[in-house]
Amino acid sequence: MEEVGKAFGSEFSPYITELCPYLLIVIQNDMTRADAEGARGERRLTVKALSCVRTISPCLGEHMHMVLPPVLSVLDDRHAADSVREAALDTLILLASLHPVHERAPSIMQTW
């Protein structure tokens, strides 16, 4: 998915509406573990989904109100591995640098 997003660039925008729900479902529901002994959650699929979000981030302007709450939830998750939370932070920083977050802050905060 990342490679397709990179290849199409801004021309990928028409597909964002269909793709976003799937990425967000992965970010919200991924509970893959590093091991069976109850170690902090590795959430490999979440890291990959966040990487995809970063790749297509220039096209996400209209969808920020949907994308940011799940990313913020990962950032807040104390059970997630530090690497997963760092991926969420990197995603948040990139999204905030590309899109005006202040316009949608109230709706983002309500859903978060």
N, C-alpha and C. Protein backbone atom coordinates (compact mmCIF):
# COMPACT_ATOMS: atom_id res chain seq x y z
N MET A 1 0.83 -1.19 0.00
CA MET A 1 0.00 0.00 0.00
C MET A 1 0.88 1.25 0.00
N GLU A 2 1.95 1.20 0.79
CA GLU A 2 2.84 2.36 0.84
C GLU A 2 3.41 2.69 -0.53
N GLU A 3 3.85 1.66 -1.22
CA GLU A 3 4.46 1.86 -2.53
C GLU A 3 3.46 2.46 -3.52
N VAL A 4 2.23 2.03 -3.44
CA VAL A 4 1.19 2.57 -4.32
C VAL A 4 0.97 4.05 -3.99
N GLY A 5 0.90 4.36 -2.69
CA GLY A 5 0.74 5.75 -2.27
C GLY A 5 1.89 6.63 -2.72
N LYS A 6 3.11 6.10 -2.62
CA LYS A 6 4.28 6.85 -3.07
C LYS A 6 4.24 7.08 -4.58
N ALA A 7 3.89 6.03 -5.30
CA ALA A 7 3.87 6.12 -6.76
C ALA A 7 2.84 7.10 -7.28
N PHE A 8 1.66 7.11 -6.67
CA PHE A 8 0.59 7.98 -7.14
C PHE A 8 0.68 9.39 -6.58
N GLY A 9 1.27 9.55 -5.42
CA GLY A 9 1.38 10.88 -4.81
C GLY A 9 0.01 11.49 -4.58
N SER A 10 -0.17 12.73 -4.99
CA SER A 10 -1.44 13.43 -4.76
C SER A 10 -2.58 12.87 -5.61
N GLU A 11 -2.26 12.11 -6.64
CA GLU A 11 -3.29 11.48 -7.46
C GLU A 11 -3.98 10.34 -6.72
N PHE A 12 -3.46 9.99 -5.54
CA PHE A 12 -4.04 8.92 -4.74
C PHE A 12 -5.25 9.42 -3.94
N SER A 13 -5.47 10.72 -3.93
CA SER A 13 -6.55 11.35 -3.15
C SER A 13 -7.93 10.74 -3.34
N PRO A 14 -8.36 10.41 -4.55
CA PRO A 14 -9.71 9.85 -4.70
C PRO A 14 -9.93 8.53 -3.95
N TYR A 15 -8.86 7.83 -3.64
CA TYR A 15 -8.99 6.53 -2.99
C TYR A 15 -8.91 6.61 -1.46
N ILE A 16 -8.57 7.76 -0.94
CA ILE A 16 -8.39 7.94 0.49
C ILE A 16 -9.67 7.64 1.27
N THR A 17 -10.80 8.08 0.76
CA THR A 17 -12.07 7.88 1.45
C THR A 17 -12.35 6.39 1.65
N GLU A 18 -11.98 5.57 0.69
CA GLU A 18 -12.20 4.14 0.82
C GLU A 18 -11.13 3.46 1.66
N LEU A 19 -9.92 3.97 1.64
CA LEU A 19 -8.80 3.35 2.33
C LEU A 19 -8.76 3.67 3.82
N CYS A 20 -9.10 4.89 4.19
CA CYS A 20 -9.00 5.33 5.58
C CYS A 20 -9.68 4.40 6.58
N PRO A 21 -10.91 3.99 6.36
CA PRO A 21 -11.55 3.12 7.37
C PRO A 21 -10.77 1.84 7.64
N TYR A 22 -10.17 1.25 6.62
CA TYR A 22 -9.41 0.02 6.81
C TYR A 22 -8.14 0.26 7.63
N LEU A 23 -7.44 1.35 7.31
CA LEU A 23 -6.24 1.67 8.08
C LEU A 23 -6.59 1.96 9.54
N LEU A 24 -7.67 2.68 9.75
CA LEU A 24 -8.06 3.03 11.11
C LEU A 24 -8.51 1.81 11.90
N ILE A 25 -9.16 0.87 11.25
CA ILE A 25 -9.55 -0.38 11.92
C ILE A 25 -8.31 -1.13 12.40
N VAL A 26 -7.29 -1.18 11.56
CA VAL A 26 -6.04 -1.84 11.95
C VAL A 26 -5.42 -1.13 13.15
N ILE A 27 -5.34 0.19 13.08
CA ILE A 27 -4.72 0.96 14.16
C ILE A 27 -5.49 0.78 15.47
N GLN A 28 -6.80 0.75 15.40
CA GLN A 28 -7.62 0.66 16.60
C GLN A 28 -7.71 -0.75 17.17
N ASN A 29 -7.60 -1.77 16.35
CA ASN A 29 -7.87 -3.13 16.81
C ASN A 29 -6.67 -4.07 16.85
N ASP A 30 -5.52 -3.66 16.39
CA ASP A 30 -4.35 -4.53 16.36
C ASP A 30 -3.85 -4.78 17.77
N MET A 31 -3.79 -6.04 18.14
CA MET A 31 -3.30 -6.41 19.47
C MET A 31 -2.19 -7.46 19.39
N THR A 32 -1.45 -7.48 18.28
CA THR A 32 -0.36 -8.45 18.15
C THR A 32 0.65 -8.23 19.26
N ARG A 33 1.15 -9.30 19.80
CA ARG A 33 2.06 -9.26 20.95
C ARG A 33 3.47 -9.65 20.53
N ALA A 34 4.44 -9.16 21.29
CA ALA A 34 5.83 -9.52 21.05
C ALA A 34 6.06 -10.99 21.43
N ASP A 35 5.43 -11.44 22.50
CA ASP A 35 5.53 -12.84 22.92
C ASP A 35 4.32 -13.22 23.76
N ALA A 36 4.24 -14.48 24.11
CA ALA A 36 3.09 -14.98 24.85
C ALA A 36 3.18 -14.69 26.34
N GLU A 37 4.31 -14.23 26.83
CA GLU A 37 4.48 -13.97 28.25
C GLU A 37 3.89 -12.63 28.69
N GLY A 38 3.15 -11.99 27.84
CA GLY A 38 2.50 -10.74 28.23
C GLY A 38 3.40 -9.52 28.13
N ALA A 39 4.42 -9.58 27.30
CA ALA A 39 5.27 -8.41 27.11
C ALA A 39 4.46 -7.28 26.50
N ARG A 40 4.99 -6.09 26.59
CA ARG A 40 4.28 -4.94 26.03
C ARG A 40 3.95 -5.19 24.57
N GLY A 41 2.77 -4.75 24.17
CA GLY A 41 2.27 -5.02 22.84
C GLY A 41 3.15 -4.49 21.73
N GLU A 42 3.49 -5.36 20.83
CA GLU A 42 4.35 -4.98 19.71
C GLU A 42 3.56 -4.28 18.62
N ARG A 43 2.35 -4.73 18.36
CA ARG A 43 1.43 -4.12 17.39
C ARG A 43 2.10 -3.86 16.04
N ARG A 44 2.65 -4.92 15.47
CA ARG A 44 3.35 -4.81 14.18
C ARG A 44 2.48 -4.23 13.08
N LEU A 45 1.22 -4.66 13.04
CA LEU A 45 0.32 -4.15 12.00
C LEU A 45 0.04 -2.66 12.17
N THR A 46 -0.02 -2.21 13.41
CA THR A 46 -0.23 -0.79 13.68
C THR A 46 0.93 0.03 13.15
N VAL A 47 2.15 -0.45 13.37
CA VAL A 47 3.34 0.26 12.88
C VAL A 47 3.30 0.36 11.36
N LYS A 48 2.90 -0.72 10.70
CA LYS A 48 2.81 -0.68 9.24
C LYS A 48 1.70 0.25 8.77
N ALA A 49 0.57 0.23 9.46
CA ALA A 49 -0.53 1.12 9.09
C ALA A 49 -0.14 2.58 9.30
N LEU A 50 0.57 2.87 10.39
CA LEU A 50 1.02 4.25 10.64
C LEU A 50 2.02 4.69 9.57
N SER A 51 2.86 3.78 9.14
CA SER A 51 3.80 4.10 8.06
C SER A 51 3.04 4.42 6.78
N CYS A 52 1.99 3.69 6.51
CA CYS A 52 1.15 3.95 5.34
C CYS A 52 0.48 5.31 5.47
N VAL A 53 -0.01 5.63 6.67
CA VAL A 53 -0.64 6.94 6.91
C VAL A 53 0.37 8.06 6.63
N ARG A 54 1.62 7.87 7.07
CA ARG A 54 2.64 8.89 6.81
C ARG A 54 2.88 9.05 5.32
N THR A 55 2.87 7.93 4.59
CA THR A 55 3.13 7.98 3.15
C THR A 55 2.03 8.74 2.42
N ILE A 56 0.79 8.52 2.80
CA ILE A 56 -0.32 9.17 2.10
C ILE A 56 -0.77 10.46 2.80
N SER A 57 -0.02 10.91 3.78
CA SER A 57 -0.42 12.08 4.58
C SER A 57 -0.73 13.34 3.78
N PRO A 58 -0.06 13.62 2.66
CA PRO A 58 -0.44 14.82 1.91
C PRO A 58 -1.89 14.80 1.42
N CYS A 59 -2.46 13.62 1.29
CA CYS A 59 -3.84 13.48 0.79
C CYS A 59 -4.89 13.44 1.90
N LEU A 60 -4.49 13.52 3.15
CA LEU A 60 -5.41 13.29 4.27
C LEU A 60 -6.07 14.53 4.84
N GLY A 61 -5.90 15.67 4.24
CA GLY A 61 -6.42 16.92 4.78
C GLY A 61 -7.88 16.88 5.21
N GLU A 62 -8.75 16.40 4.36
CA GLU A 62 -10.18 16.34 4.67
C GLU A 62 -10.53 15.28 5.70
N HIS A 63 -9.61 14.39 5.96
CA HIS A 63 -9.89 13.24 6.82
C HIS A 63 -9.17 13.31 8.17
N MET A 64 -8.60 14.45 8.47
CA MET A 64 -7.83 14.58 9.71
C MET A 64 -8.68 14.29 10.95
N HIS A 65 -9.94 14.69 10.91
CA HIS A 65 -10.82 14.46 12.07
C HIS A 65 -11.04 12.97 12.33
N MET A 66 -10.86 12.13 11.31
CA MET A 66 -11.01 10.68 11.48
C MET A 66 -9.68 10.02 11.82
N VAL A 67 -8.60 10.53 11.26
CA VAL A 67 -7.29 9.89 11.39
C VAL A 67 -6.62 10.19 12.73
N LEU A 68 -6.70 11.42 13.19
CA LEU A 68 -5.97 11.79 14.39
C LEU A 68 -6.41 11.08 15.68
N PRO A 69 -7.69 10.91 15.96
CA PRO A 69 -8.05 10.24 17.22
C PRO A 69 -7.44 8.85 17.40
N PRO A 70 -7.45 7.96 16.39
CA PRO A 70 -6.79 6.66 16.58
C PRO A 70 -5.27 6.79 16.78
N VAL A 71 -4.65 7.72 16.07
CA VAL A 71 -3.21 7.93 16.24
C VAL A 71 -2.92 8.42 17.66
N LEU A 72 -3.73 9.33 18.15
CA LEU A 72 -3.57 9.83 19.51
C LEU A 72 -3.82 8.73 20.54
N SER A 73 -4.73 7.84 20.26
CA SER A 73 -4.99 6.72 21.17
C SER A 73 -3.80 5.79 21.28
N VAL A 74 -3.13 5.55 20.17
CA VAL A 74 -1.91 4.73 20.20
C VAL A 74 -0.84 5.43 21.03
N LEU A 75 -0.73 6.72 20.85
CA LEU A 75 0.24 7.50 21.60
C LEU A 75 -0.03 7.43 23.10
N ASP A 76 -1.28 7.37 23.48
CA ASP A 76 -1.68 7.29 24.89
C ASP A 76 -1.59 5.89 25.48
N ASP A 77 -1.53 4.88 24.66
CA ASP A 77 -1.58 3.50 25.12
C ASP A 77 -0.28 3.11 25.83
N ARG A 78 -0.34 3.01 27.13
CA ARG A 78 0.86 2.68 27.92
C ARG A 78 1.24 1.22 27.79
N HIS A 79 0.35 0.41 27.25
CA HIS A 79 0.65 -1.01 27.04
C HIS A 79 1.36 -1.26 25.72
N ALA A 80 1.37 -0.28 24.86
CA ALA A 80 2.03 -0.43 23.56
C ALA A 80 3.54 -0.26 23.75
N ALA A 81 4.29 -0.93 22.92
CA ALA A 81 5.75 -0.81 22.96
C ALA A 81 6.15 0.62 22.61
N ASP A 82 7.29 1.03 23.12
CA ASP A 82 7.78 2.38 22.86
C ASP A 82 7.94 2.65 21.38
N SER A 83 8.37 1.64 20.63
CA SER A 83 8.56 1.83 19.18
C SER A 83 7.23 2.12 18.48
N VAL A 84 6.16 1.52 18.97
CA VAL A 84 4.82 1.76 18.39
C VAL A 84 4.38 3.18 18.72
N ARG A 85 4.60 3.59 19.95
CA ARG A 85 4.22 4.95 20.36
C ARG A 85 5.07 5.99 19.62
N GLU A 86 6.33 5.68 19.37
CA GLU A 86 7.19 6.59 18.59
C GLU A 86 6.69 6.72 17.16
N ALA A 87 6.24 5.60 16.58
CA ALA A 87 5.67 5.64 15.22
C ALA A 87 4.42 6.52 15.20
N ALA A 88 3.60 6.42 16.24
CA ALA A 88 2.41 7.27 16.32
C ALA A 88 2.80 8.74 16.46
N LEU A 89 3.82 9.02 17.28
CA LEU A 89 4.28 10.39 17.45
C LEU A 89 4.84 10.95 16.14
N ASP A 90 5.63 10.16 15.43
CA ASP A 90 6.16 10.60 14.13
C ASP A 90 5.02 10.90 13.16
N THR A 91 4.00 10.06 13.18
CA THR A 91 2.84 10.26 12.31
C THR A 91 2.11 11.55 12.68
N LEU A 92 1.91 11.75 13.97
CA LEU A 92 1.23 12.96 14.45
C LEU A 92 2.00 14.22 14.06
N ILE A 93 3.29 14.21 14.25
CA ILE A 93 4.12 15.37 13.90
C ILE A 93 4.03 15.68 12.41
N LEU A 94 4.12 14.64 11.59
CA LEU A 94 4.04 14.84 10.14
C LEU A 94 2.67 15.39 9.73
N LEU A 95 1.61 14.79 10.26
CA LEU A 95 0.27 15.26 9.92
C LEU A 95 0.05 16.71 10.35
N ALA A 96 0.52 17.04 11.55
CA ALA A 96 0.35 18.41 12.05
C ALA A 96 1.17 19.41 11.25
N SER A 97 2.29 18.96 10.70
CA SER A 97 3.11 19.88 9.90
C SER A 97 2.53 20.10 8.51
N LEU A 98 1.74 19.16 8.03
CA LEU A 98 1.18 19.27 6.68
C LEU A 98 -0.22 19.87 6.63
N HIS A 99 -0.97 19.71 7.72
CA HIS A 99 -2.37 20.12 7.71
C HIS A 99 -2.70 20.97 8.93
N PRO A 100 -3.53 21.98 8.76
CA PRO A 100 -3.92 22.81 9.91
C PRO A 100 -4.83 22.03 10.86
N VAL A 101 -4.30 21.67 11.99
CA VAL A 101 -5.04 20.87 12.96
C VAL A 101 -6.00 21.73 13.77
N HIS A 102 -5.64 22.99 13.97
CA HIS A 102 -6.43 23.86 14.84
C HIS A 102 -7.87 24.03 14.34
N GLU A 103 -8.08 23.91 13.04
CA GLU A 103 -9.43 24.07 12.49
C GLU A 103 -10.37 22.95 12.95
N ARG A 104 -9.80 21.78 13.17
CA ARG A 104 -10.63 20.63 13.54
C ARG A 104 -10.38 20.16 14.97
N ALA A 105 -9.68 20.94 15.74
CA ALA A 105 -9.33 20.52 17.11
C ALA A 105 -10.53 20.14 17.97
N PRO A 106 -11.61 20.92 17.98
CA PRO A 106 -12.74 20.52 18.83
C PRO A 106 -13.33 19.15 18.47
N SER A 107 -13.50 18.88 17.19
CA SER A 107 -14.07 17.58 16.81
C SER A 107 -13.09 16.44 17.07
N ILE A 108 -11.80 16.72 16.92
CA ILE A 108 -10.78 15.71 17.20
C ILE A 108 -10.76 15.38 18.69
N MET A 109 -10.80 16.40 19.52
CA MET A 109 -10.76 16.20 20.95
C MET A 109 -12.00 15.48 21.46
N GLN A 110 -13.15 15.71 20.85
CA GLN A 110 -14.37 15.04 21.28
C GLN A 110 -14.32 13.54 21.00
N THR A 111 -13.74 13.15 19.89
CA THR A 111 -13.69 11.73 19.55
C THR A 111 -12.52 11.02 20.20
N TRP A 112 -11.52 11.75 20.62
CA TRP A 112 -10.35 11.15 21.26
C TRP A 112 -10.70 10.89 22.67
